[in-house]
């Protein structure tokens, strides 16, 4: 297994999300329509996702201010009744896994901020010098909901985690009810991550702009991982696509997944409708997006899918 020399893992650490809620309930806020949407967006914007001294996807520019105003206005009647924080709620009494790369982490950030009641139980920082958590366990004590986030985390995403049994053992031990799976970066990314951490020269081996990665062994690894996710998710696993330069339906879902498109979640259309690239909200769809943004709407789809699976 790859070394994690630069990671700093904190176990059993509880950090209340004080920037959002203390003990209030979403149901104590009887807002409707446009008022509800404005409240939701403002609450998400005021939130800082769990990360040590870091809110890397928060954008501050005139372009973002204009984008944010348009986003609030365009979603005032979203889905017939306005965008609301309740739409980001995860099902009660459920253990969920979110597995992928940093785009999945951006979705998790919105779910964290939309809940307002999630405690950080465990965290591990990615060994790349960014300070971004690559492993998180979040828990809502009121709803008994546990969210585990595995993003750019070599010990559970490099191919060796399959070969040596680490990932199968993790899935079996944690007994997840619902899994959301976004294919992780190619193995070479984790070597790039480690070299950066050690201060050594390294060239990235991935191209996020196209939304897909083509490496000889990646498809086989993804297929094996996806089969594991389906096997170990008690209520089911959902394949999630991030976003890229072009929304190309012919490339999604990948052939190794063997699932129909309508059974997946594809964030491309939302990001192409509301592009806002980090750090100054340039209208680019490749790469990380400012928060809150279209990723918040993608998180809404994910939360809805989770609730549907838990209720089935």
C-alpha atoms as a PDB file:
ATOM      1  CA  UNK A   1       0.000   0.000   0.000  1.00  0.00           C
ATOM      2  CA  UNK A   2       1.133   3.526  -0.702  1.00  0.00           C
ATOM      3  CA  UNK A   3       2.671   5.491   2.104  1.00  0.00           C
ATOM      4  CA  UNK A   4       0.705   8.284   3.745  1.00  0.00           C
ATOM      5  CA  UNK A   5       3.752  10.144   5.029  1.00  0.00           C
ATOM      6  CA  UNK A   6       2.279  13.628   4.926  1.00  0.00           C
ATOM      7  CA  UNK A   7      -1.202  12.855   6.159  1.00  0.00           C
ATOM      8  CA  UNK A   8      -2.326  13.825   9.612  1.00  0.00           C
ATOM      9  CA  UNK A   9      -5.107  11.561  10.793  1.00  0.00           C
ATOM     10  CA  UNK A  10      -7.275  12.547  13.711  1.00  0.00           C
ATOM     11  CA  UNK A  11      -9.532   9.829  15.071  1.00  0.00           C
ATOM     12  CA  UNK A  12     -12.583  10.228  17.276  1.00  0.00           C
ATOM     13  CA  UNK A  13     -12.452  13.979  16.920  1.00  0.00           C
ATOM     14  CA  UNK A  14     -15.804  15.774  17.235  1.00  0.00           C
ATOM     15  CA  UNK A  15     -16.161  19.257  15.749  1.00  0.00           C
ATOM     16  CA  UNK A  16     -19.595  20.876  15.813  1.00  0.00           C
ATOM     17  CA  UNK A  17     -20.549  22.871  12.713  1.00  0.00           C
ATOM     18  CA  UNK A  18     -21.023  26.092  14.673  1.00  0.00           C
ATOM     19  CA  UNK A  19     -21.124  28.305  11.579  1.00  0.00           C
ATOM     20  CA  UNK A  20     -24.536  26.933  10.611  1.00  0.00           C
ATOM     21  CA  UNK A  21     -26.688  25.647  13.447  1.00  0.00           C
ATOM     22  CA  UNK A  22     -26.525  24.963  17.134  1.00  0.00           C
ATOM     23  CA  UNK A  23     -29.648  23.158  18.228  1.00  0.00           C
ATOM     24  CA  UNK A  24     -32.240  24.601  15.839  1.00  0.00           C
ATOM     25  CA  UNK A  25     -34.246  22.435  13.475  1.00  0.00           C
ATOM     26  CA  UNK A  26     -34.914  23.038   9.805  1.00  0.00           C
ATOM     27  CA  UNK A  27     -38.616  22.590  10.509  1.00  0.00           C
ATOM     28  CA  UNK A  28     -38.591  25.626  12.792  1.00  0.00           C
ATOM     29  CA  UNK A  29     -38.099  27.852   9.743  1.00  0.00           C
ATOM     30  CA  UNK A  30     -41.450  28.154   7.887  1.00  0.00           C
ATOM     31  CA  UNK A  31     -40.060  29.870   4.806  1.00  0.00           C
ATOM     32  CA  UNK A  32     -41.615  29.436   1.391  1.00  0.00           C
ATOM     33  CA  UNK A  33     -40.731  30.118  -2.254  1.00  0.00           C
ATOM     34  CA  UNK A  34     -38.244  32.880  -2.883  1.00  0.00           C
ATOM     35  CA  UNK A  35     -37.660  33.554   0.820  1.00  0.00           C
ATOM     36  CA  UNK A  36     -36.803  29.899   1.373  1.00  0.00           C
ATOM     37  CA  UNK A  37     -34.381  29.893  -1.552  1.00  0.00           C
ATOM     38  CA  UNK A  38     -32.640  33.065  -0.367  1.00  0.00           C
ATOM     39  CA  UNK A  39     -32.346  31.660   3.148  1.00  0.00           C
ATOM     40  CA  UNK A  40     -30.925  28.367   1.848  1.00  0.00           C
ATOM     41  CA  UNK A  41     -28.288  29.979  -0.356  1.00  0.00           C
ATOM     42  CA  UNK A  42     -27.256  32.471   2.318  1.00  0.00           C
ATOM     43  CA  UNK A  43     -26.942  29.688   4.890  1.00  0.00           C
ATOM     44  CA  UNK A  44     -24.812  27.582   2.561  1.00  0.00           C
ATOM     45  CA  UNK A  45     -22.606  30.549   1.793  1.00  0.00           C
ATOM     46  CA  UNK A  46     -22.053  31.319   5.480  1.00  0.00           C
ATOM     47  CA  UNK A  47     -20.923  27.764   6.159  1.00  0.00           C
ATOM     48  CA  UNK A  48     -17.316  26.599   6.272  1.00  0.00           C
ATOM     49  CA  UNK A  49     -16.979  22.897   5.356  1.00  0.00           C
ATOM     50  CA  UNK A  50     -14.844  20.691   7.601  1.00  0.00           C
ATOM     51  CA  UNK A  51     -11.198  21.351   6.775  1.00  0.00           C
ATOM     52  CA  UNK A  52      -8.305  22.565   8.909  1.00  0.00           C
ATOM     53  CA  UNK A  53      -8.129  26.347   8.490  1.00  0.00           C
ATOM     54  CA  UNK A  54      -9.355  26.062   4.930  1.00  0.00           C
ATOM     55  CA  UNK A  55     -12.368  27.054   2.820  1.00  0.00           C
ATOM     56  CA  UNK A  56     -10.671  26.612  -0.537  1.00  0.00           C
ATOM     57  CA  UNK A  57     -13.775  26.701  -2.736  1.00  0.00           C
ATOM     58  CA  UNK A  58     -15.221  29.945  -1.349  1.00  0.00           C
ATOM     59  CA  UNK A  59     -14.951  32.601  -4.070  1.00  0.00           C
ATOM     60  CA  UNK A  60     -14.800  36.329  -3.506  1.00  0.00           C
ATOM     61  CA  UNK A  61     -15.054  38.458  -6.609  1.00  0.00           C
ATOM     62  CA  UNK A  62     -17.492  40.755  -8.375  1.00  0.00           C
ATOM     63  CA  UNK A  63     -18.160  37.939 -10.827  1.00  0.00           C
ATOM     64  CA  UNK A  64     -19.166  35.610  -8.006  1.00  0.00           C
ATOM     65  CA  UNK A  65     -21.450  38.221  -6.436  1.00  0.00           C
ATOM     66  CA  UNK A  66     -23.280  38.569  -9.756  1.00  0.00           C
ATOM     67  CA  UNK A  67     -23.380  34.795 -10.202  1.00  0.00           C
ATOM     68  CA  UNK A  68     -24.745  34.262  -6.682  1.00  0.00           C
ATOM     69  CA  UNK A  69     -27.545  36.791  -7.227  1.00  0.00           C
ATOM     70  CA  UNK A  70     -28.546  35.054 -10.488  1.00  0.00           C
ATOM     71  CA  UNK A  71     -28.445  31.644  -8.824  1.00  0.00           C
ATOM     72  CA  UNK A  72     -30.738  32.750  -5.987  1.00  0.00           C
ATOM     73  CA  UNK A  73     -33.186  34.305  -8.433  1.00  0.00           C
ATOM     74  CA  UNK A  74     -33.222  31.361 -10.832  1.00  0.00           C
ATOM     75  CA  UNK A  75     -33.913  28.829  -8.063  1.00  0.00           C
ATOM     76  CA  UNK A  76     -36.619  30.785  -6.213  1.00  0.00           C
ATOM     77  CA  UNK A  77     -39.201  28.536  -7.864  1.00  0.00           C
ATOM     78  CA  UNK A  78     -36.884  25.542  -8.220  1.00  0.00           C
ATOM     79  CA  UNK A  79     -38.731  22.214  -8.518  1.00  0.00           C
ATOM     80  CA  UNK A  80     -42.039  24.053  -8.141  1.00  0.00           C
ATOM     81  CA  UNK A  81     -41.496  25.254  -4.573  1.00  0.00           C
ATOM     82  CA  UNK A  82     -38.060  26.839  -4.359  1.00  0.00           C
ATOM     83  CA  UNK A  83     -34.656  25.561  -3.336  1.00  0.00           C
ATOM     84  CA  UNK A  84     -34.608  24.788   0.400  1.00  0.00           C
ATOM     85  CA  UNK A  85     -32.225  23.362   2.964  1.00  0.00           C
ATOM     86  CA  UNK A  86     -34.608  20.464   3.631  1.00  0.00           C
ATOM     87  CA  UNK A  87     -33.807  19.205   0.121  1.00  0.00           C
ATOM     88  CA  UNK A  88     -30.229  18.556   1.262  1.00  0.00           C
ATOM     89  CA  UNK A  89     -31.248  16.381   4.204  1.00  0.00           C
ATOM     90  CA  UNK A  90     -30.014  12.795   4.293  1.00  0.00           C
ATOM     91  CA  UNK A  91     -32.236   9.938   5.509  1.00  0.00           C
ATOM     92  CA  UNK A  92     -32.377   9.124   9.210  1.00  0.00           C
ATOM     93  CA  UNK A  93     -30.947   5.906  10.660  1.00  0.00           C
ATOM     94  CA  UNK A  94     -28.748   5.417   7.601  1.00  0.00           C
ATOM     95  CA  UNK A  95     -25.032   4.827   6.980  1.00  0.00           C
ATOM     96  CA  UNK A  96     -23.871   6.420   3.722  1.00  0.00           C
ATOM     97  CA  UNK A  97     -20.588   6.229   1.813  1.00  0.00           C
ATOM     98  CA  UNK A  98     -19.455   8.893  -0.653  1.00  0.00           C
ATOM     99  CA  UNK A  99     -16.486   7.593  -2.617  1.00  0.00           C
ATOM    100  CA  UNK A 100     -14.624   9.379  -5.416  1.00  0.00           C
ATOM    101  CA  UNK A 101     -12.297  12.283  -6.109  1.00  0.00           C
ATOM    102  CA  UNK A 102     -12.459  15.955  -5.091  1.00  0.00           C
ATOM    103  CA  UNK A 103     -15.645  16.594  -7.087  1.00  0.00           C
ATOM    104  CA  UNK A 104     -17.393  14.151  -4.753  1.00  0.00           C
ATOM    105  CA  UNK A 105     -15.882  16.020  -1.805  1.00  0.00           C
ATOM    106  CA  UNK A 106     -17.485  19.199  -3.121  1.00  0.00           C
ATOM    107  CA  UNK A 107     -20.865  17.417  -3.057  1.00  0.00           C
ATOM    108  CA  UNK A 108     -20.195  16.256   0.513  1.00  0.00           C
ATOM    109  CA  UNK A 109     -19.381  19.842   1.532  1.00  0.00           C
ATOM    110  CA  UNK A 110     -22.837  20.975   0.405  1.00  0.00           C
ATOM    111  CA  UNK A 111     -24.529  18.118   2.258  1.00  0.00           C
ATOM    112  CA  UNK A 112     -22.547  18.997   5.381  1.00  0.00           C
ATOM    113  CA  UNK A 113     -23.555  22.637   5.168  1.00  0.00           C
ATOM    114  CA  UNK A 114     -27.172  21.828   4.306  1.00  0.00           C
ATOM    115  CA  UNK A 115     -27.565  19.568   7.318  1.00  0.00           C
ATOM    116  CA  UNK A 116     -26.123  21.854   9.959  1.00  0.00           C
ATOM    117  CA  UNK A 117     -26.119  18.997  12.465  1.00  0.00           C
ATOM    118  CA  UNK A 118     -23.208  16.838  11.348  1.00  0.00           C
ATOM    119  CA  UNK A 119     -20.315  16.288  13.748  1.00  0.00           C
ATOM    120  CA  UNK A 120     -16.866  15.350  12.457  1.00  0.00           C
ATOM    121  CA  UNK A 121     -16.085  12.015  14.123  1.00  0.00           C
ATOM    122  CA  UNK A 122     -12.956  11.052  12.170  1.00  0.00           C
ATOM    123  CA  UNK A 123     -10.803  12.909   9.662  1.00  0.00           C
ATOM    124  CA  UNK A 124      -7.645  12.358   7.658  1.00  0.00           C
ATOM    125  CA  UNK A 125      -5.887  14.969   5.533  1.00  0.00           C
ATOM    126  CA  UNK A 126      -4.775  14.181   1.985  1.00  0.00           C
ATOM    127  CA  UNK A 127      -0.976  13.902   1.644  1.00  0.00           C
ATOM    128  CA  UNK A 128      -0.726  16.651  -0.974  1.00  0.00           C
ATOM    129  CA  UNK A 129      -0.118  19.764   1.085  1.00  0.00           C
ATOM    130  CA  UNK A 130      -3.573  21.249   0.386  1.00  0.00           C
ATOM    131  CA  UNK A 131      -5.059  20.488   3.793  1.00  0.00           C
ATOM    132  CA  UNK A 132      -8.175  18.982   2.209  1.00  0.00           C
ATOM    133  CA  UNK A 133      -9.661  16.053   4.136  1.00  0.00           C
ATOM    134  CA  UNK A 134      -9.444  12.832   2.139  1.00  0.00           C
ATOM    135  CA  UNK A 135     -11.255  10.742   4.748  1.00  0.00           C
ATOM    136  CA  UNK A 136     -14.150  11.990   6.863  1.00  0.00           C
ATOM    137  CA  UNK A 137     -16.749  10.365   9.072  1.00  0.00           C
ATOM    138  CA  UNK A 138     -19.633  12.725   9.864  1.00  0.00           C
ATOM    139  CA  UNK A 139     -22.497  11.931  12.225  1.00  0.00           C
ATOM    140  CA  UNK A 140     -25.875  13.536  12.895  1.00  0.00           C
ATOM    141  CA  UNK A 141     -26.740  12.530  16.488  1.00  0.00           C
ATOM    142  CA  UNK A 142     -30.355  13.671  16.213  1.00  0.00           C
ATOM    143  CA  UNK A 143     -31.175  11.685  13.076  1.00  0.00           C
ATOM    144  CA  UNK A 144     -28.653   8.888  13.656  1.00  0.00           C
ATOM    145  CA  UNK A 145     -27.183   9.417  10.199  1.00  0.00           C
ATOM    146  CA  UNK A 146     -23.536   8.674   9.422  1.00  0.00           C
ATOM    147  CA  UNK A 147     -21.801   9.988   6.302  1.00  0.00           C
ATOM    148  CA  UNK A 148     -18.376   8.632   5.353  1.00  0.00           C
ATOM    149  CA  UNK A 149     -16.409  10.488   2.678  1.00  0.00           C
ATOM    150  CA  UNK A 150     -13.468   8.825   0.889  1.00  0.00           C
ATOM    151  CA  UNK A 151     -11.973  11.188  -1.691  1.00  0.00           C
ATOM    152  CA  UNK A 152      -8.422  11.108  -3.089  1.00  0.00           C
ATOM    153  CA  UNK A 153      -7.551   8.696  -0.291  1.00  0.00           C
ATOM    154  CA  UNK A 154      -4.847   6.289  -1.462  1.00  0.00           C
ATOM    155  CA  UNK A 155      -5.265   3.651   1.279  1.00  0.00           C
ATOM    156  CA  UNK A 156      -8.803   2.903   0.031  1.00  0.00           C
ATOM    157  CA  UNK A 157      -8.612   3.966  -3.632  1.00  0.00           C
ATOM    158  CA  UNK A 158      -5.327   2.764  -5.100  1.00  0.00           C
ATOM    159  CA  UNK A 159      -5.646  -0.586  -6.913  1.00  0.00           C
ATOM    160  CA  UNK A 160      -3.671  -2.218  -4.137  1.00  0.00           C
ATOM    161  CA  UNK A 161      -6.608  -1.634  -1.801  1.00  0.00           C
ATOM    162  CA  UNK A 162      -8.474  -4.176  -3.925  1.00  0.00           C
ATOM    163  CA  UNK A 163      -5.601  -6.611  -4.289  1.00  0.00           C
ATOM    164  CA  UNK A 164      -4.679  -6.783  -0.597  1.00  0.00           C
ATOM    165  CA  UNK A 165      -8.279  -6.841   0.648  1.00  0.00           C
ATOM    166  CA  UNK A 166      -8.221  -3.445   2.388  1.00  0.00           C
ATOM    167  CA  UNK A 167     -11.228  -2.007   0.557  1.00  0.00           C
ATOM    168  CA  UNK A 168     -13.424  -5.158   0.764  1.00  0.00           C
ATOM    169  CA  UNK A 169     -12.696  -5.407   4.484  1.00  0.00           C
ATOM    170  CA  UNK A 170     -13.532  -1.717   4.979  1.00  0.00           C
ATOM    171  CA  UNK A 171     -16.876  -2.085   3.189  1.00  0.00           C
ATOM    172  CA  UNK A 172     -17.803  -5.210   5.086  1.00  0.00           C
ATOM    173  CA  UNK A 173     -16.866  -3.753   8.478  1.00  0.00           C
ATOM    174  CA  UNK A 174     -18.639  -0.425   7.983  1.00  0.00           C
ATOM    175  CA  UNK A 175     -21.851  -2.049   6.644  1.00  0.00           C
ATOM    176  CA  UNK A 176     -23.070   0.897   4.562  1.00  0.00           C
ATOM    177  CA  UNK A 177     -26.738   1.186   3.649  1.00  0.00           C
ATOM    178  CA  UNK A 178     -26.315   3.538   0.669  1.00  0.00           C
ATOM    179  CA  UNK A 179     -23.246   4.154  -1.491  1.00  0.00           C
ATOM    180  CA  UNK A 180     -22.575   6.953  -3.982  1.00  0.00           C
ATOM    181  CA  UNK A 181     -19.671   6.025  -6.228  1.00  0.00           C
ATOM    182  CA  UNK A 182     -17.662   8.354  -8.454  1.00  0.00           C
ATOM    183  CA  UNK A 183     -14.645   6.630 -10.064  1.00  0.00           C
ATOM    184  CA  UNK A 184     -11.459   7.616  -8.265  1.00  0.00           C
ATOM    185  CA  UNK A 185      -8.421   9.050 -10.004  1.00  0.00           C
ATOM    186  CA  UNK A 186      -6.011   6.718 -11.771  1.00  0.00           C
ATOM    187  CA  UNK A 187      -3.349   5.088  -9.608  1.00  0.00           C
ATOM    188  CA  UNK A 188      -0.687   7.426 -10.947  1.00  0.00           C
ATOM    189  CA  UNK A 189      -2.488  10.345  -9.264  1.00  0.00           C
ATOM    190  CA  UNK A 190      -1.639   8.963  -5.848  1.00  0.00           C
ATOM    191  CA  UNK A 191       2.060   8.813  -6.718  1.00  0.00           C
ATOM    192  CA  UNK A 192       1.803  12.404  -7.928  1.00  0.00           C
ATOM    193  CA  UNK A 193       0.087  13.300  -4.644  1.00  0.00           C
ATOM    194  CA  UNK A 194       2.836  11.679  -2.584  1.00  0.00           C
ATOM    195  CA  UNK A 195       5.672  13.285  -4.556  1.00  0.00           C
ATOM    196  CA  UNK A 196       4.108  16.730  -4.094  1.00  0.00           C
ATOM    197  CA  UNK A 197       3.827  16.084  -0.396  1.00  0.00           C
ATOM    198  CA  UNK A 198       7.524  15.221  -0.213  1.00  0.00           C
ATOM    199  CA  UNK A 199       8.473  18.384  -2.106  1.00  0.00           C
ATOM    200  CA  UNK A 200       9.698  16.473  -5.140  1.00  0.00           C
ATOM    201  CA  UNK A 201       9.061  17.454  -8.753  1.00  0.00           C
ATOM    202  CA  UNK A 202       5.947  15.810 -10.154  1.00  0.00           C
ATOM    203  CA  UNK A 203       3.744  16.199 -13.209  1.00  0.00           C
ATOM    204  CA  UNK A 204       0.012  15.516 -12.973  1.00  0.00           C
ATOM    205  CA  UNK A 205      -1.135  12.435 -14.841  1.00  0.00           C
ATOM    206  CA  UNK A 206      -4.837  13.268 -15.079  1.00  0.00           C
ATOM    207  CA  UNK A 207      -6.955  15.596 -17.170  1.00  0.00           C
ATOM    208  CA  UNK A 208     -10.049  16.727 -15.316  1.00  0.00           C
ATOM    209  CA  UNK A 209     -11.165  18.960 -18.168  1.00  0.00           C
ATOM    210  CA  UNK A 210     -12.609  16.013 -20.076  1.00  0.00           C
ATOM    211  CA  UNK A 211     -14.385  14.537 -17.073  1.00  0.00           C
ATOM    212  CA  UNK A 212     -13.042  11.061 -17.759  1.00  0.00           C
ATOM    213  CA  UNK A 213      -9.636   9.455 -17.335  1.00  0.00           C
ATOM    214  CA  UNK A 214      -8.176   7.048 -19.831  1.00  0.00           C
ATOM    215  CA  UNK A 215      -5.466   4.828 -18.362  1.00  0.00           C
ATOM    216  CA  UNK A 216      -4.842   1.182 -19.260  1.00  0.00           C
ATOM    217  CA  UNK A 217      -5.790  -0.322 -15.913  1.00  0.00           C
ATOM    218  CA  UNK A 218      -8.290   2.227 -14.619  1.00  0.00           C
ATOM    219  CA  UNK A 219     -11.405   0.741 -16.236  1.00  0.00           C
ATOM    220  CA  UNK A 220     -10.705  -2.707 -14.776  1.00  0.00           C
ATOM    221  CA  UNK A 221     -10.107  -1.225 -11.320  1.00  0.00           C
ATOM    222  CA  UNK A 222     -13.286   0.857 -11.547  1.00  0.00           C
ATOM    223  CA  UNK A 223     -15.339  -2.155 -12.607  1.00  0.00           C
ATOM    224  CA  UNK A 224     -14.079  -4.208  -9.663  1.00  0.00           C
ATOM    225  CA  UNK A 225     -14.665  -1.362  -7.231  1.00  0.00           C
ATOM    226  CA  UNK A 226     -18.168  -0.692  -8.561  1.00  0.00           C
ATOM    227  CA  UNK A 227     -19.082  -4.362  -8.177  1.00  0.00           C
ATOM    228  CA  UNK A 228     -17.897  -4.240  -4.571  1.00  0.00           C
ATOM    229  CA  UNK A 229     -19.964  -1.131  -3.890  1.00  0.00           C
ATOM    230  CA  UNK A 230     -23.079  -2.762  -5.304  1.00  0.00           C
ATOM    231  CA  UNK A 231     -22.486  -5.922  -3.322  1.00  0.00           C
ATOM    232  CA  UNK A 232     -21.962  -4.207   0.037  1.00  0.00           C
ATOM    233  CA  UNK A 233     -24.608  -1.433  -0.107  1.00  0.00           C
ATOM    234  CA  UNK A 234     -27.672  -2.749   1.711  1.00  0.00           C
ATOM    235  CA  UNK A 235     -30.136  -0.381   0.016  1.00  0.00           C
ATOM    236  CA  UNK A 236     -28.133   0.065  -3.187  1.00  0.00           C
ATOM    237  CA  UNK A 237     -25.291   1.956  -4.848  1.00  0.00           C
ATOM    238  CA  UNK A 238     -25.577   4.861  -7.278  1.00  0.00           C
ATOM    239  CA  UNK A 239     -23.005   5.829  -9.896  1.00  0.00           C
ATOM    240  CA  UNK A 240     -22.280   9.582  -9.925  1.00  0.00           C
ATOM    241  CA  UNK A 241     -20.658  11.590 -12.691  1.00  0.00           C
ATOM    242  CA  UNK A 242     -18.860  14.799 -11.890  1.00  0.00           C
ATOM    243  CA  UNK A 243     -18.596  17.345 -14.676  1.00  0.00           C
ATOM    244  CA  UNK A 244     -16.247  18.181 -17.514  1.00  0.00           C
ATOM    245  CA  UNK A 245     -15.757  20.383 -20.532  1.00  0.00           C
ATOM    246  CA  UNK A 246     -18.505  18.831 -22.644  1.00  0.00           C
ATOM    247  CA  UNK A 247     -21.725  17.093 -21.618  1.00  0.00           C
ATOM    248  CA  UNK A 248     -21.311  13.998 -23.789  1.00  0.00           C
ATOM    249  CA  UNK A 249     -24.072  11.468 -23.028  1.00  0.00           C
ATOM    250  CA  UNK A 250     -22.408   8.874 -25.275  1.00  0.00           C
ATOM    251  CA  UNK A 251     -19.543   8.596 -22.777  1.00  0.00           C
ATOM    252  CA  UNK A 252     -21.842   8.059 -19.817  1.00  0.00           C
ATOM    253  CA  UNK A 253     -22.356   5.730 -18.142  1.00  0.00           C
ATOM    254  CA  UNK A 254     -19.084   3.882 -18.836  1.00  0.00           C
ATOM    255  CA  UNK A 255     -19.436   0.404 -20.305  1.00  0.00           C
ATOM    256  CA  UNK A 256     -17.912  -1.296 -17.248  1.00  0.00           C
ATOM    257  CA  UNK A 257     -20.758  -0.047 -15.028  1.00  0.00           C
ATOM    258  CA  UNK A 258     -23.488  -2.024 -16.799  1.00  0.00           C
ATOM    259  CA  UNK A 259     -26.247   0.325 -15.572  1.00  0.00           C
ATOM    260  CA  UNK A 260     -28.730   2.459 -17.554  1.00  0.00           C
ATOM    261  CA  UNK A 261     -28.148   6.198 -17.702  1.00  0.00           C
ATOM    262  CA  UNK A 262     -31.389   7.005 -15.874  1.00  0.00           C
ATOM    263  CA  UNK A 263     -30.159   5.022 -12.858  1.00  0.00           C
ATOM    264  CA  UNK A 264     -27.095   7.278 -12.463  1.00  0.00           C
ATOM    265  CA  UNK A 265     -26.615  10.877 -11.335  1.00  0.00           C
ATOM    266  CA  UNK A 266     -24.934  13.141 -13.880  1.00  0.00           C
ATOM    267  CA  UNK A 267     -23.896  16.608 -12.733  1.00  0.00           C
ATOM    268  CA  UNK A 268     -22.768  17.845 -16.125  1.00  0.00           C
ATOM    269  CA  UNK A 269     -25.961  19.639 -17.178  1.00  0.00           C
ATOM    270  CA  UNK A 270     -26.281  21.550 -13.907  1.00  0.00           C
ATOM    271  CA  UNK A 271     -22.685  22.775 -14.005  1.00  0.00           C
ATOM    272  CA  UNK A 272     -23.001  23.747 -17.669  1.00  0.00           C
ATOM    273  CA  UNK A 273     -26.110  25.749 -16.792  1.00  0.00           C
ATOM    274  CA  UNK A 274     -24.442  27.516 -13.846  1.00  0.00           C
ATOM    275  CA  UNK A 275     -20.635  27.458 -14.404  1.00  0.00           C
ATOM    276  CA  UNK A 276     -18.492  29.182 -11.775  1.00  0.00           C
ATOM    277  CA  UNK A 277     -14.872  28.039 -11.650  1.00  0.00           C
ATOM    278  CA  UNK A 278     -12.629  28.455  -8.595  1.00  0.00           C
ATOM    279  CA  UNK A 279     -11.209  30.934  -7.588  1.00  0.00           C
ATOM    280  CA  UNK A 280     -12.868  33.919  -9.304  1.00  0.00           C
ATOM    281  CA  UNK A 281     -16.050  32.376 -10.782  1.00  0.00           C
ATOM    282  CA  UNK A 282     -14.892  32.281 -14.382  1.00  0.00           C
ATOM    283  CA  UNK A 283     -17.574  30.649 -16.589  1.00  0.00           C
ATOM    284  CA  UNK A 284     -15.635  27.411 -17.017  1.00  0.00           C
ATOM    285  CA  UNK A 285     -17.104  23.975 -16.421  1.00  0.00           C
ATOM    286  CA  UNK A 286     -13.871  22.037 -16.036  1.00  0.00           C
ATOM    287  CA  UNK A 287     -12.339  21.710 -12.617  1.00  0.00           C
ATOM    288  CA  UNK A 288     -13.545  22.745  -9.191  1.00  0.00           C
ATOM    289  CA  UNK A 289     -16.546  25.013  -8.833  1.00  0.00           C
ATOM    290  CA  UNK A 290     -17.080  27.830  -6.350  1.00  0.00           C
ATOM    291  CA  UNK A 291     -19.391  27.139  -3.454  1.00  0.00           C
ATOM    292  CA  UNK A 292     -22.254  27.439  -3.147  1.00  0.00           C
ATOM    293  CA  UNK A 293     -23.075  26.923  -6.809  1.00  0.00           C
ATOM    294  CA  UNK A 294     -24.473  24.324  -9.180  1.00  0.00           C
ATOM    295  CA  UNK A 295     -22.737  21.706  -7.026  1.00  0.00           C
ATOM    296  CA  UNK A 296     -25.309  22.541  -4.340  1.00  0.00           C
ATOM    297  CA  UNK A 297     -28.048  21.603  -6.794  1.00  0.00           C
ATOM    298  CA  UNK A 298     -26.192  18.404  -7.620  1.00  0.00           C
ATOM    299  CA  UNK A 299     -26.021  17.635  -3.897  1.00  0.00           C
ATOM    300  CA  UNK A 300     -29.797  18.085  -3.832  1.00  0.00           C
ATOM    301  CA  UNK A 301     -30.163  15.286  -6.405  1.00  0.00           C
ATOM    302  CA  UNK A 302     -27.841  13.060  -4.392  1.00  0.00           C
ATOM    303  CA  UNK A 303     -29.767  13.664  -1.156  1.00  0.00           C
ATOM    304  CA  UNK A 304     -33.062  12.945  -2.910  1.00  0.00           C
ATOM    305  CA  UNK A 305     -31.659   9.674  -4.240  1.00  0.00           C
ATOM    306  CA  UNK A 306     -30.436   8.711  -0.763  1.00  0.00           C
ATOM    307  CA  UNK A 307     -33.843   9.340   0.772  1.00  0.00           C
ATOM    308  CA  UNK A 308     -35.549   7.340  -1.964  1.00  0.00           C
ATOM    309  CA  UNK A 309     -33.242   4.358  -1.474  1.00  0.00           C
ATOM    310  CA  UNK A 310     -33.692   4.397   2.282  1.00  0.00           C
ATOM    311  CA  UNK A 311     -37.472   4.559   1.949  1.00  0.00           C
ATOM    312  CA  UNK A 312     -37.766   1.782  -0.661  1.00  0.00           C
END
